[in-house]
N, C-alpha and C. Protein backbone atom coordinates (compact mmCIF):
# COMPACT_ATOMS: atom_id res chain seq x y z
N UNK A 1 9.07 -27.30 -12.17
CA UNK A 1 9.28 -25.91 -11.78
C UNK A 1 9.05 -25.78 -10.28
N UNK A 2 9.98 -25.17 -9.61
CA UNK A 2 9.92 -25.00 -8.16
C UNK A 2 9.00 -23.83 -7.81
N UNK A 3 8.31 -23.94 -6.68
CA UNK A 3 7.45 -22.85 -6.23
C UNK A 3 8.12 -22.10 -5.08
N UNK A 4 7.69 -20.89 -4.85
CA UNK A 4 8.26 -20.11 -3.75
C UNK A 4 7.98 -20.79 -2.42
N UNK A 5 6.84 -21.44 -2.28
CA UNK A 5 6.55 -22.14 -1.03
C UNK A 5 7.54 -23.28 -0.78
N UNK A 6 7.92 -23.99 -1.83
CA UNK A 6 8.90 -25.06 -1.69
C UNK A 6 10.27 -24.50 -1.30
N UNK A 7 10.64 -23.37 -1.88
CA UNK A 7 11.93 -22.75 -1.55
C UNK A 7 11.91 -22.25 -0.11
N UNK A 8 10.81 -21.64 0.31
CA UNK A 8 10.72 -21.16 1.69
C UNK A 8 10.75 -22.32 2.68
N UNK A 9 10.15 -23.45 2.31
CA UNK A 9 10.19 -24.63 3.16
C UNK A 9 11.63 -25.12 3.30
N UNK A 10 12.36 -25.13 2.21
CA UNK A 10 13.78 -25.51 2.25
C UNK A 10 14.58 -24.53 3.10
N UNK A 11 14.21 -23.26 3.05
CA UNK A 11 14.94 -22.22 3.78
C UNK A 11 14.87 -22.40 5.29
N UNK A 12 13.81 -23.02 5.79
CA UNK A 12 13.66 -23.18 7.24
C UNK A 12 13.87 -24.62 7.72
N UNK A 13 14.18 -25.50 6.79
CA UNK A 13 14.40 -26.91 7.16
C UNK A 13 15.48 -27.04 8.22
N UNK A 14 15.28 -27.92 9.17
CA UNK A 14 16.26 -28.22 10.22
C UNK A 14 16.61 -26.99 11.07
N UNK A 15 15.65 -26.09 11.24
CA UNK A 15 15.88 -24.93 12.11
C UNK A 15 16.72 -23.83 11.50
N UNK A 16 16.81 -23.81 10.19
CA UNK A 16 17.63 -22.79 9.52
C UNK A 16 17.05 -21.39 9.75
N UNK A 17 17.96 -20.45 9.92
CA UNK A 17 17.61 -19.03 10.02
C UNK A 17 17.91 -18.36 8.68
N UNK A 18 19.13 -18.54 8.21
CA UNK A 18 19.61 -17.95 6.95
C UNK A 18 20.97 -18.58 6.65
N UNK A 19 21.49 -18.34 5.46
CA UNK A 19 22.85 -18.81 5.19
C UNK A 19 23.86 -18.05 6.06
N UNK A 20 25.01 -18.65 6.27
CA UNK A 20 26.10 -17.96 6.95
C UNK A 20 26.46 -16.71 6.13
N UNK A 21 27.07 -15.70 6.75
CA UNK A 21 27.26 -14.41 6.07
C UNK A 21 27.87 -14.46 4.67
N UNK A 22 28.94 -15.18 4.47
CA UNK A 22 29.57 -15.23 3.14
C UNK A 22 28.61 -15.83 2.12
N UNK A 23 27.93 -16.90 2.51
CA UNK A 23 27.00 -17.56 1.60
C UNK A 23 25.78 -16.68 1.34
N UNK A 24 25.31 -15.99 2.36
CA UNK A 24 24.15 -15.11 2.19
C UNK A 24 24.50 -13.97 1.22
N UNK A 25 25.70 -13.43 1.36
CA UNK A 25 26.12 -12.37 0.44
C UNK A 25 26.21 -12.89 -0.99
N UNK A 26 26.71 -14.11 -1.17
CA UNK A 26 26.78 -14.70 -2.52
C UNK A 26 25.37 -14.85 -3.10
N UNK A 27 24.43 -15.29 -2.28
CA UNK A 27 23.05 -15.43 -2.74
C UNK A 27 22.49 -14.06 -3.13
N UNK A 28 22.70 -13.06 -2.30
CA UNK A 28 22.20 -11.71 -2.60
C UNK A 28 22.81 -11.18 -3.90
N UNK A 29 24.08 -11.45 -4.12
CA UNK A 29 24.75 -10.98 -5.34
C UNK A 29 24.13 -11.57 -6.60
N UNK A 30 23.55 -12.76 -6.51
CA UNK A 30 22.95 -13.38 -7.70
C UNK A 30 21.55 -12.86 -7.99
N UNK A 31 20.96 -12.08 -7.08
CA UNK A 31 19.62 -11.54 -7.32
C UNK A 31 19.66 -10.52 -8.45
N UNK A 32 18.77 -10.65 -9.41
CA UNK A 32 18.76 -9.70 -10.53
C UNK A 32 18.05 -8.40 -10.16
N UNK A 33 18.33 -7.37 -10.93
CA UNK A 33 17.61 -6.09 -10.86
C UNK A 33 17.78 -5.36 -9.54
N UNK A 34 18.89 -5.59 -8.84
CA UNK A 34 19.15 -4.84 -7.61
C UNK A 34 19.38 -3.37 -7.98
N UNK A 35 18.98 -2.48 -7.09
CA UNK A 35 19.19 -1.06 -7.37
C UNK A 35 19.34 -0.29 -6.08
N UNK A 36 20.05 0.81 -6.17
CA UNK A 36 20.20 1.72 -5.04
C UNK A 36 18.86 2.39 -4.80
N UNK A 37 18.53 2.54 -3.52
CA UNK A 37 17.30 3.23 -3.14
C UNK A 37 17.63 4.09 -1.94
N UNK A 38 17.76 5.39 -2.15
CA UNK A 38 18.19 6.28 -1.08
C UNK A 38 19.58 5.89 -0.63
N UNK A 39 19.73 5.68 0.67
CA UNK A 39 21.02 5.26 1.21
C UNK A 39 21.17 3.74 1.26
N UNK A 40 20.17 3.03 0.78
CA UNK A 40 20.20 1.57 0.85
C UNK A 40 20.09 0.90 -0.50
N UNK A 41 19.59 -0.30 -0.47
CA UNK A 41 19.44 -1.12 -1.67
C UNK A 41 18.05 -1.74 -1.70
N UNK A 42 17.63 -2.05 -2.92
CA UNK A 42 16.41 -2.82 -3.11
C UNK A 42 16.78 -4.03 -3.95
N UNK A 43 16.65 -5.25 -3.48
CA UNK A 43 16.21 -5.58 -2.13
C UNK A 43 17.27 -5.20 -1.10
N UNK A 44 16.87 -5.17 0.15
CA UNK A 44 17.77 -4.81 1.23
C UNK A 44 18.98 -5.73 1.27
N UNK A 45 20.08 -5.19 1.75
CA UNK A 45 21.31 -5.98 1.88
C UNK A 45 21.12 -7.11 2.90
N UNK A 46 21.88 -8.19 2.76
CA UNK A 46 21.84 -9.22 3.79
C UNK A 46 22.36 -8.66 5.11
N UNK A 47 21.89 -9.20 6.19
CA UNK A 47 22.27 -8.73 7.52
C UNK A 47 23.57 -9.40 7.95
N UNK A 48 24.66 -8.89 7.41
CA UNK A 48 25.98 -9.46 7.67
C UNK A 48 26.88 -8.36 8.24
N UNK A 49 28.13 -8.66 8.41
CA UNK A 49 29.11 -7.74 9.00
C UNK A 49 28.63 -7.32 10.38
N UNK A 50 28.64 -6.04 10.70
CA UNK A 50 28.24 -5.58 12.05
C UNK A 50 26.80 -5.93 12.35
N UNK A 51 25.92 -5.90 11.35
CA UNK A 51 24.50 -6.20 11.57
C UNK A 51 24.28 -7.65 11.99
N UNK A 52 25.18 -8.53 11.65
CA UNK A 52 25.03 -9.95 11.97
C UNK A 52 24.83 -10.18 13.47
N UNK A 53 25.63 -9.53 14.27
CA UNK A 53 25.63 -9.78 15.71
C UNK A 53 24.50 -9.07 16.45
N UNK A 54 23.98 -8.00 15.89
CA UNK A 54 22.97 -7.19 16.56
C UNK A 54 21.55 -7.46 16.09
N UNK A 55 21.38 -8.38 15.17
CA UNK A 55 20.06 -8.61 14.59
C UNK A 55 19.44 -9.90 15.13
N UNK A 56 18.21 -9.82 15.65
CA UNK A 56 17.52 -11.02 16.14
C UNK A 56 17.24 -12.01 15.01
N UNK A 57 17.07 -13.27 15.40
CA UNK A 57 16.81 -14.34 14.43
C UNK A 57 15.62 -14.01 13.53
N UNK A 58 14.52 -13.53 14.10
CA UNK A 58 13.31 -13.29 13.31
C UNK A 58 13.56 -12.27 12.20
N UNK A 59 14.33 -11.26 12.49
CA UNK A 59 14.64 -10.23 11.47
C UNK A 59 15.51 -10.84 10.37
N UNK A 60 16.46 -11.69 10.74
CA UNK A 60 17.28 -12.37 9.73
C UNK A 60 16.41 -13.25 8.84
N UNK A 61 15.48 -13.98 9.46
CA UNK A 61 14.57 -14.83 8.69
C UNK A 61 13.75 -13.99 7.71
N UNK A 62 13.19 -12.90 8.19
CA UNK A 62 12.36 -12.04 7.33
C UNK A 62 13.18 -11.47 6.17
N UNK A 63 14.41 -11.05 6.42
CA UNK A 63 15.25 -10.49 5.36
C UNK A 63 15.61 -11.56 4.35
N UNK A 64 15.97 -12.74 4.82
CA UNK A 64 16.31 -13.84 3.91
C UNK A 64 15.10 -14.21 3.04
N UNK A 65 13.93 -14.27 3.64
CA UNK A 65 12.72 -14.59 2.88
C UNK A 65 12.37 -13.48 1.90
N UNK A 66 12.69 -12.24 2.25
CA UNK A 66 12.53 -11.13 1.30
C UNK A 66 13.38 -11.40 0.06
N UNK A 67 14.57 -11.88 0.25
CA UNK A 67 15.46 -12.17 -0.89
C UNK A 67 14.90 -13.30 -1.75
N UNK A 68 14.33 -14.30 -1.12
CA UNK A 68 13.72 -15.41 -1.88
C UNK A 68 12.53 -14.90 -2.69
N UNK A 69 11.71 -14.07 -2.09
CA UNK A 69 10.55 -13.52 -2.81
C UNK A 69 11.00 -12.59 -3.94
N UNK A 70 12.08 -11.86 -3.73
CA UNK A 70 12.63 -11.01 -4.79
C UNK A 70 13.06 -11.91 -5.96
N UNK A 71 13.72 -12.99 -5.63
CA UNK A 71 14.15 -13.93 -6.68
C UNK A 71 12.94 -14.43 -7.46
N UNK A 72 11.86 -14.75 -6.77
CA UNK A 72 10.65 -15.20 -7.46
C UNK A 72 10.11 -14.11 -8.38
N UNK A 73 10.02 -12.90 -7.88
CA UNK A 73 9.45 -11.79 -8.65
C UNK A 73 10.31 -11.37 -9.83
N UNK A 74 11.61 -11.75 -9.81
CA UNK A 74 12.53 -11.31 -10.85
C UNK A 74 13.14 -12.46 -11.64
N UNK A 75 12.45 -13.61 -11.61
CA UNK A 75 12.83 -14.72 -12.48
C UNK A 75 14.08 -15.48 -12.10
N UNK A 76 14.45 -15.43 -10.81
CA UNK A 76 15.68 -16.11 -10.41
C UNK A 76 15.45 -17.15 -9.31
N UNK A 77 14.21 -17.58 -9.14
CA UNK A 77 13.91 -18.51 -8.06
C UNK A 77 14.64 -19.84 -8.22
N UNK A 78 14.65 -20.38 -9.42
CA UNK A 78 15.35 -21.66 -9.66
C UNK A 78 16.85 -21.53 -9.34
N UNK A 79 17.44 -20.44 -9.76
CA UNK A 79 18.88 -20.21 -9.53
C UNK A 79 19.17 -20.13 -8.03
N UNK A 80 18.34 -19.39 -7.31
CA UNK A 80 18.53 -19.27 -5.86
C UNK A 80 18.31 -20.61 -5.18
N UNK A 81 17.29 -21.33 -5.59
CA UNK A 81 17.03 -22.65 -5.01
C UNK A 81 18.21 -23.60 -5.26
N UNK A 82 18.70 -23.63 -6.48
CA UNK A 82 19.85 -24.48 -6.80
C UNK A 82 21.05 -24.13 -5.93
N UNK A 83 21.26 -22.84 -5.69
CA UNK A 83 22.35 -22.41 -4.82
C UNK A 83 22.12 -22.91 -3.40
N UNK A 84 20.89 -22.74 -2.90
CA UNK A 84 20.57 -23.13 -1.53
C UNK A 84 20.77 -24.63 -1.31
N UNK A 85 20.30 -25.45 -2.24
CA UNK A 85 20.42 -26.91 -2.02
C UNK A 85 21.85 -27.40 -2.18
N UNK A 86 22.70 -26.56 -2.76
CA UNK A 86 24.11 -26.90 -2.88
C UNK A 86 24.93 -26.55 -1.64
N UNK A 87 24.32 -25.82 -0.71
CA UNK A 87 25.03 -25.45 0.51
C UNK A 87 25.16 -26.64 1.44
N UNK A 88 26.28 -26.71 2.14
CA UNK A 88 26.52 -27.75 3.14
C UNK A 88 25.83 -27.35 4.45
N UNK A 89 25.59 -28.28 5.34
CA UNK A 89 24.96 -27.94 6.62
C UNK A 89 25.68 -26.83 7.37
N UNK A 90 27.01 -26.82 7.31
CA UNK A 90 27.76 -25.79 8.02
C UNK A 90 27.68 -24.41 7.35
N UNK A 91 27.14 -24.35 6.15
CA UNK A 91 26.94 -23.08 5.44
C UNK A 91 25.68 -22.36 5.90
N UNK A 92 24.91 -22.98 6.77
CA UNK A 92 23.66 -22.42 7.26
C UNK A 92 23.81 -21.98 8.72
N UNK A 93 23.15 -20.89 9.06
CA UNK A 93 23.05 -20.46 10.45
C UNK A 93 21.71 -20.97 10.95
N UNK A 94 21.73 -21.72 12.04
CA UNK A 94 20.53 -22.34 12.57
C UNK A 94 20.24 -21.84 13.98
N UNK A 95 18.97 -21.80 14.33
CA UNK A 95 18.57 -21.37 15.67
C UNK A 95 18.78 -22.48 16.68
N UNK A 96 18.79 -22.08 17.92
CA UNK A 96 18.99 -23.06 19.00
C UNK A 96 17.69 -23.61 19.48
């Protein structure tokens, strides 16, 4: 059984920030129990589309890790981890 710490370690391996936008959206879509909250979503939407270019790396990291923790809290950590390890290097956005 995978732990959230192991998944978070995988999430930052090799300078990773988050998945590329299409892949990040696919990961978010697999999160269970998503719900509308006011004008937004819980968990928050991935920082893609217009937000992609205006958001600093640290905020992207925090949002991506929020999604991983949501997966843990809602019984989908293994599914998210399996998705992450199936991504190719070019499917990840990495810091400089």
